[in-house]
Amino acid sequence: MSILLVAEADFVYLKEQTQSTAGNLSVQIDKLSEAGYIAVEKSFEGKRTRTVCRMLPQGREAMAQYVKALESYFQGL
């Protein structure tokens, strides 16, 4: 959950933290962006592309609801 504690995270950081493949992470970033949960900014650093993601208020709210649902589920076990 340390990913949720940062204001923004670049692609490399997210890939390392989630231990995802680049392809899987790209798909998930696209889905989260389309849902309005994250903002994605693409730029260049030298010749390399840099992708930075920021969680939006709607994304934080969705995550909070998800955590509540999980807590409720586990309390019932």
Foldseek 3Di string as FASTA:
>chain_A
DVCVVDQKDKPVVVCVVVVDDSVVVVVVVVVCVVVVQKDWDWDDDVPDIIIMIGGDPVNVVVVVVVVVVVVVVVVVD
